C-alpha cells in the first residue's frame, strides 16, 4: 500500500513529538482541488481524561 505524502508527514510529526515532547514547523497540505497550501503545525503530547493524546494544531498560512 502506497502512503500519501501527508500521511508520512503526519506520522513523522507523531514520532518526533513522542521523542522531543513537542514539534512545530510548516507542511504543504493537498487541497481537494489538487493544489497545495502551506500549513503551520504545532504538536504537543498531553493527558486528556486519563488518556495519553497528541494535540496537533494546523493553521493555513497562505498569504
PDB file of N, CA and C in Angstrom:
ATOM      1  N   UNK A   1       0.839  -1.178   0.000  1.00  0.00           N
ATOM      2  CA  UNK A   1       0.000   0.000   0.000  1.00  0.00           C
ATOM      3  C   UNK A   1       0.887   1.245   0.000  1.00  0.00           C
ATOM      4  N   UNK A   2       0.646   2.126  -0.929  1.00  0.00           N
ATOM      5  CA  UNK A   2       1.412   3.371  -1.034  1.00  0.00           C
ATOM      6  C   UNK A   2       0.779   4.426  -0.140  1.00  0.00           C
ATOM      7  N   UNK A   3       1.587   5.050   0.667  1.00  0.00           N
ATOM      8  CA  UNK A   3       1.086   6.088   1.568  1.00  0.00           C
ATOM      9  C   UNK A   3       1.265   7.460   0.937  1.00  0.00           C
ATOM     10  N   UNK A   4       0.337   8.338   1.236  1.00  0.00           N
ATOM     11  CA  UNK A   4       0.432   9.695   0.706  1.00  0.00           C
ATOM     12  C   UNK A   4       1.522  10.469   1.442  1.00  0.00           C
ATOM     13  N   UNK A   5       1.992  11.518   0.812  1.00  0.00           N
ATOM     14  CA  UNK A   5       2.991  12.392   1.424  1.00  0.00           C
ATOM     15  C   UNK A   5       2.473  12.933   2.750  1.00  0.00           C
ATOM     16  N   UNK A   6       1.193  13.308   2.801  1.00  0.00           N
ATOM     17  CA  UNK A   6       0.617  13.856   4.026  1.00  0.00           C
ATOM     18  C   UNK A   6       0.613  12.828   5.156  1.00  0.00           C
ATOM     19  N   UNK A   7       0.273  11.574   4.831  1.00  0.00           N
ATOM     20  CA  UNK A   7       0.290  10.524   5.853  1.00  0.00           C
ATOM     21  C   UNK A   7       1.688  10.353   6.434  1.00  0.00           C
ATOM     22  N   UNK A   8       2.687  10.344   5.567  1.00  0.00           N
ATOM     23  CA  UNK A   8       4.064  10.187   6.023  1.00  0.00           C
ATOM     24  C   UNK A   8       4.513  11.384   6.856  1.00  0.00           C
ATOM     25  N   UNK A   9       4.134  12.592   6.446  1.00  0.00           N
ATOM     26  CA  UNK A   9       4.494  13.781   7.210  1.00  0.00           C
ATOM     27  C   UNK A   9       3.825  13.770   8.578  1.00  0.00           C
ATOM     28  N   UNK A  10       2.552  13.355   8.627  1.00  0.00           N
ATOM     29  CA  UNK A  10       1.853  13.310   9.911  1.00  0.00           C
ATOM     30  C   UNK A  10       2.479  12.260  10.822  1.00  0.00           C
ATOM     31  N   UNK A  11       2.826  11.108  10.264  1.00  0.00           N
ATOM     32  CA  UNK A  11       3.479  10.066  11.061  1.00  0.00           C
ATOM     33  C   UNK A  11       4.796  10.602  11.626  1.00  0.00           C
ATOM     34  N   UNK A  12       5.526  11.379  10.840  1.00  0.00           N
ATOM     35  CA  UNK A  12       6.766  11.987  11.305  1.00  0.00           C
ATOM     36  C   UNK A  12       6.500  12.974  12.443  1.00  0.00           C
ATOM     37  N   UNK A  13       5.415  13.731  12.360  1.00  0.00           N
ATOM     38  CA  UNK A  13       5.042  14.652  13.438  1.00  0.00           C
ATOM     39  C   UNK A  13       4.799  13.872  14.724  1.00  0.00           C
ATOM     40  N   UNK A  14       4.048  12.795  14.632  1.00  0.00           N
ATOM     41  CA  UNK A  14       3.746  11.979  15.811  1.00  0.00           C
ATOM     42  C   UNK A  14       5.028  11.422  16.422  1.00  0.00           C
ATOM     43  N   UNK A  15       5.883  10.829  15.603  1.00  0.00           N
ATOM     44  CA  UNK A  15       7.121  10.241  16.114  1.00  0.00           C
ATOM     45  C   UNK A  15       8.040  11.291  16.724  1.00  0.00           C
ATOM     46  N   UNK A  16       8.177  12.427  16.063  1.00  0.00           N
ATOM     47  CA  UNK A  16       9.039  13.490  16.583  1.00  0.00           C
ATOM     48  C   UNK A  16       8.493  14.044  17.887  1.00  0.00           C
ATOM     49  N   UNK A  17       7.176  14.222  17.977  1.00  0.00           N
ATOM     50  CA  UNK A  17       6.567  14.724  19.208  1.00  0.00           C
ATOM     51  C   UNK A  17       6.812  13.754  20.353  1.00  0.00           C
ATOM     52  N   UNK A  18       6.700  12.461  20.089  1.00  0.00           N
ATOM     53  CA  UNK A  18       6.945  11.463  21.127  1.00  0.00           C
ATOM     54  C   UNK A  18       8.392  11.505  21.598  1.00  0.00           C
ATOM     55  N   UNK A  19       9.321  11.758  20.697  1.00  0.00           N
ATOM     56  CA  UNK A  19      10.739  11.773  21.047  1.00  0.00           C
ATOM     57  C   UNK A  19      11.168  13.094  21.686  1.00  0.00           C
ATOM     58  N   UNK A  20      10.671  14.208  21.179  1.00  0.00           N
ATOM     59  CA  UNK A  20      11.146  15.525  21.614  1.00  0.00           C
ATOM     60  C   UNK A  20      10.152  16.275  22.491  1.00  0.00           C
ATOM     61  N   UNK A  21       8.970  15.723  22.697  1.00  0.00           N
ATOM     62  CA  UNK A  21       7.926  16.278  23.549  1.00  0.00           C
ATOM     63  C   UNK A  21       7.189  17.476  22.958  1.00  0.00           C
ATOM     64  N   UNK A  22       7.554  17.924  21.771  1.00  0.00           N
ATOM     65  CA  UNK A  22       6.797  18.952  21.050  1.00  0.00           C
ATOM     66  C   UNK A  22       7.411  19.103  19.662  1.00  0.00           C
ATOM     67  N   UNK A  23       6.658  19.725  18.775  1.00  0.00           N
ATOM     68  CA  UNK A  23       7.173  19.982  17.428  1.00  0.00           C
ATOM     69  C   UNK A  23       6.431  21.182  16.863  1.00  0.00           C
ATOM     70  N   UNK A  24       7.094  21.916  16.032  1.00  0.00           N
ATOM     71  CA  UNK A  24       6.421  22.943  15.240  1.00  0.00           C
ATOM     72  C   UNK A  24       7.162  23.070  13.920  1.00  0.00           C
ATOM     73  N   UNK A  25       6.420  23.438  12.898  1.00  0.00           N
ATOM     74  CA  UNK A  25       7.015  23.559  11.583  1.00  0.00           C
ATOM     75  C   UNK A  25       5.964  23.882  10.543  1.00  0.00           C
ATOM     76  N   UNK A  26       6.371  23.805   9.292  1.00  0.00           N
ATOM     77  CA  UNK A  26       5.478  24.116   8.179  1.00  0.00           C
ATOM     78  C   UNK A  26       5.414  22.913   7.250  1.00  0.00           C
ATOM     79  N   UNK A  27       4.200  22.540   6.867  1.00  0.00           N
ATOM     80  CA  UNK A  27       3.963  21.442   5.933  1.00  0.00           C
ATOM     81  C   UNK A  27       3.184  21.963   4.737  1.00  0.00           C
ATOM     82  N   UNK A  28       3.279  21.252   3.627  1.00  0.00           N
ATOM     83  CA  UNK A  28       2.408  21.514   2.484  1.00  0.00           C
ATOM     84  C   UNK A  28       1.308  20.470   2.507  1.00  0.00           C
ATOM     85  N   UNK A  29       0.064  20.923   2.477  1.00  0.00           N
ATOM     86  CA  UNK A  29      -1.093  20.038   2.553  1.00  0.00           C
ATOM     87  C   UNK A  29      -1.854  20.115   1.240  1.00  0.00           C
ATOM     88  N   UNK A  30      -2.293  18.956   0.741  1.00  0.00           N
ATOM     89  CA  UNK A  30      -3.066  18.904  -0.500  1.00  0.00           C
ATOM     90  C   UNK A  30      -4.520  19.275  -0.241  1.00  0.00           C
ATOM     91  N   UNK A  31      -5.046  20.168  -1.068  1.00  0.00           N
ATOM     92  CA  UNK A  31      -6.455  20.532  -1.010  1.00  0.00           C
ATOM     93  C   UNK A  31      -7.241  19.606  -1.936  1.00  0.00           C
ATOM     94  N   UNK A  32      -8.551  19.602  -1.791  1.00  0.00           N
ATOM     95  CA  UNK A  32      -9.391  18.732  -2.614  1.00  0.00           C
ATOM     96  C   UNK A  32      -9.281  19.049  -4.099  1.00  0.00           C
ATOM     97  N   UNK A  33      -8.983  20.314  -4.438  1.00  0.00           N
ATOM     98  CA  UNK A  33      -8.873  20.684  -5.850  1.00  0.00           C
ATOM     99  C   UNK A  33      -7.514  20.318  -6.452  1.00  0.00           C
ATOM    100  N   UNK A  34      -6.632  19.693  -5.642  1.00  0.00           N
ATOM    101  CA  UNK A  34      -5.328  19.257  -6.137  1.00  0.00           C
ATOM    102  C   UNK A  34      -4.196  20.233  -5.873  1.00  0.00           C
ATOM    103  N   UNK A  35      -4.528  21.453  -5.484  1.00  0.00           N
ATOM    104  CA  UNK A  35      -3.482  22.426  -5.164  1.00  0.00           C
ATOM    105  C   UNK A  35      -2.938  22.150  -3.759  1.00  0.00           C
ATOM    106  N   UNK A  36      -1.825  22.785  -3.434  1.00  0.00           N
ATOM    107  CA  UNK A  36      -1.260  22.628  -2.098  1.00  0.00           C
ATOM    108  C   UNK A  36      -1.286  23.963  -1.373  1.00  0.00           C
ATOM    109  N   UNK A  37      -1.315  23.891  -0.053  1.00  0.00           N
ATOM    110  CA  UNK A  37      -1.356  25.085   0.776  1.00  0.00           C
ATOM    111  C   UNK A  37      -0.358  24.896   1.926  1.00  0.00           C
ATOM    112  N   UNK A  38       0.421  25.946   2.257  1.00  0.00           N
ATOM    113  CA  UNK A  38       1.335  25.832   3.394  1.00  0.00           C
ATOM    114  C   UNK A  38       0.557  25.932   4.708  1.00  0.00           C
ATOM    115  N   UNK A  39       0.899  25.051   5.640  1.00  0.00           N
ATOM    116  CA  UNK A  39       0.214  24.988   6.923  1.00  0.00           C
ATOM    117  C   UNK A  39       1.253  24.979   8.039  1.00  0.00           C
ATOM    118  N   UNK A  40       1.092  25.869   9.007  1.00  0.00           N
ATOM    119  CA  UNK A  40       1.949  25.866  10.194  1.00  0.00           C
ATOM    120  C   UNK A  40       1.378  24.838  11.169  1.00  0.00           C
ATOM    121  N   UNK A  41       2.241  23.961  11.681  1.00  0.00           N
ATOM    122  CA  UNK A  41       1.794  22.877  12.549  1.00  0.00           C
ATOM    123  C   UNK A  41       2.530  22.953  13.881  1.00  0.00           C
ATOM    124  N   UNK A  42       1.778  22.795  14.973  1.00  0.00           N
ATOM    125  CA  UNK A  42       2.357  22.685  16.314  1.00  0.00           C
ATOM    126  C   UNK A  42       1.727  21.471  16.978  1.00  0.00           C
ATOM    127  N   UNK A  43       2.529  20.711  17.711  1.00  0.00           N
ATOM    128  CA  UNK A  43       2.044  19.475  18.303  1.00  0.00           C
ATOM    129  C   UNK A  43       2.662  19.270  19.681  1.00  0.00           C
ATOM    130  N   UNK A  44       1.832  18.864  20.648  1.00  0.00           N
ATOM    131  CA  UNK A  44       2.316  18.535  21.988  1.00  0.00           C
ATOM    132  C   UNK A  44       1.548  17.326  22.525  1.00  0.00           C
ATOM    133  N   UNK A  45       2.245  16.452  23.256  1.00  0.00           N
ATOM    134  CA  UNK A  45       1.537  15.350  23.908  1.00  0.00           C
ATOM    135  C   UNK A  45       0.926  15.853  25.216  1.00  0.00           C
ATOM    136  N   UNK A  46      -0.231  15.308  25.588  1.00  0.00           N
ATOM    137  CA  UNK A  46      -0.851  15.655  26.858  1.00  0.00           C
ATOM    138  C   UNK A  46      -1.762  14.527  27.305  1.00  0.00           C
ATOM    139  N   UNK A  47      -2.268  14.641  28.525  1.00  0.00           N
ATOM    140  CA  UNK A  47      -3.205  13.656  29.054  1.00  0.00           C
ATOM    141  C   UNK A  47      -4.587  14.285  29.081  1.00  0.00           C
ATOM    142  N   UNK A  48      -5.561  13.600  28.498  1.00  0.00           N
ATOM    143  CA  UNK A  48      -6.939  14.079  28.440  1.00  0.00           C
ATOM    144  C   UNK A  48      -7.846  12.966  28.929  1.00  0.00           C
ATOM    145  N   UNK A  49      -8.559  13.225  30.021  1.00  0.00           N
ATOM    146  CA  UNK A  49      -9.451  12.226  30.621  1.00  0.00           C
ATOM    147  C   UNK A  49      -8.734  10.903  30.884  1.00  0.00           C
ATOM    148  N   UNK A  50      -7.504  11.014  31.354  1.00  0.00           N
ATOM    149  CA  UNK A  50      -6.731   9.832  31.708  1.00  0.00           C
ATOM    150  C   UNK A  50      -6.062   9.119  30.547  1.00  0.00           C
ATOM    151  N   UNK A  51      -6.200   9.639  29.347  1.00  0.00           N
ATOM    152  CA  UNK A  51      -5.604   9.022  28.154  1.00  0.00           C
ATOM    153  C   UNK A  51      -4.461   9.888  27.637  1.00  0.00           C
ATOM    154  N   UNK A  52      -3.384   9.252  27.198  1.00  0.00           N
ATOM    155  CA  UNK A  52      -2.309   9.984  26.535  1.00  0.00           C
ATOM    156  C   UNK A  52      -2.748  10.296  25.116  1.00  0.00           C
ATOM    157  N   UNK A  53      -2.748  11.575  24.775  1.00  0.00           N
ATOM    158  CA  UNK A  53      -3.188  12.013  23.449  1.00  0.00           C
ATOM    159  C   UNK A  53      -2.159  12.974  22.868  1.00  0.00           C
ATOM    160  N   UNK A  54      -2.335  13.288  21.620  1.00  0.00           N
ATOM    161  CA  UNK A  54      -1.462  14.223  20.925  1.00  0.00           C
ATOM    162  C   UNK A  54      -2.327  15.360  20.396  1.00  0.00           C
ATOM    163  N   UNK A  55      -2.051  16.580  20.834  1.00  0.00           N
ATOM    164  CA  UNK A  55      -2.786  17.737  20.328  1.00  0.00           C
ATOM    165  C   UNK A  55      -1.993  18.326  19.170  1.00  0.00           C
ATOM    166  N   UNK A  56      -2.634  18.393  18.014  1.00  0.00           N
ATOM    167  CA  UNK A  56      -1.995  18.956  16.828  1.00  0.00           C
ATOM    168  C   UNK A  56      -2.847  20.130  16.353  1.00  0.00           C
ATOM    169  N   UNK A  57      -2.203  21.265  16.193  1.00  0.00           N
ATOM    170  CA  UNK A  57      -2.888  22.453  15.686  1.00  0.00           C
ATOM    171  C   UNK A  57      -2.261  22.808  14.347  1.00  0.00           C
ATOM    172  N   UNK A  58      -3.099  22.967  13.336  1.00  0.00           N
ATOM    173  CA  UNK A  58      -2.626  23.319  11.994  1.00  0.00           C
ATOM    174  C   UNK A  58      -3.319  24.613  11.569  1.00  0.00           C
ATOM    175  N   UNK A  59      -2.526  25.546  11.041  1.00  0.00           N
ATOM    176  CA  UNK A  59      -3.067  26.846  10.632  1.00  0.00           C
ATOM    177  C   UNK A  59      -2.605  27.172   9.224  1.00  0.00           C
ATOM    178  N   UNK A  60      -3.559  27.471   8.362  1.00  0.00           N
ATOM    179  CA  UNK A  60      -3.265  27.869   6.982  1.00  0.00           C
ATOM    180  C   UNK A  60      -2.497  29.190   7.018  1.00  0.00           C
ATOM    181  N   UNK A  61      -1.314  29.210   6.410  1.00  0.00           N
ATOM    182  CA  UNK A  61      -0.510  30.437   6.412  1.00  0.00           C
ATOM    183  C   UNK A  61      -0.370  31.025   5.011  1.00  0.00           C
ATOM    184  N   UNK A  62      -1.340  30.733   4.157  1.00  0.00           N
ATOM    185  CA  UNK A  62      -1.349  31.308   2.816  1.00  0.00           C
ATOM    186  C   UNK A  62      -1.413  32.823   2.926  1.00  0.00           C
ATOM    187  N   UNK A  63      -0.607  33.501   2.125  1.00  0.00           N
ATOM    188  CA  UNK A  63      -0.605  34.975   2.141  1.00  0.00           C
ATOM    189  C   UNK A  63      -1.899  35.529   1.636  1.00  0.00           C
TER     190      UNK A  63
END
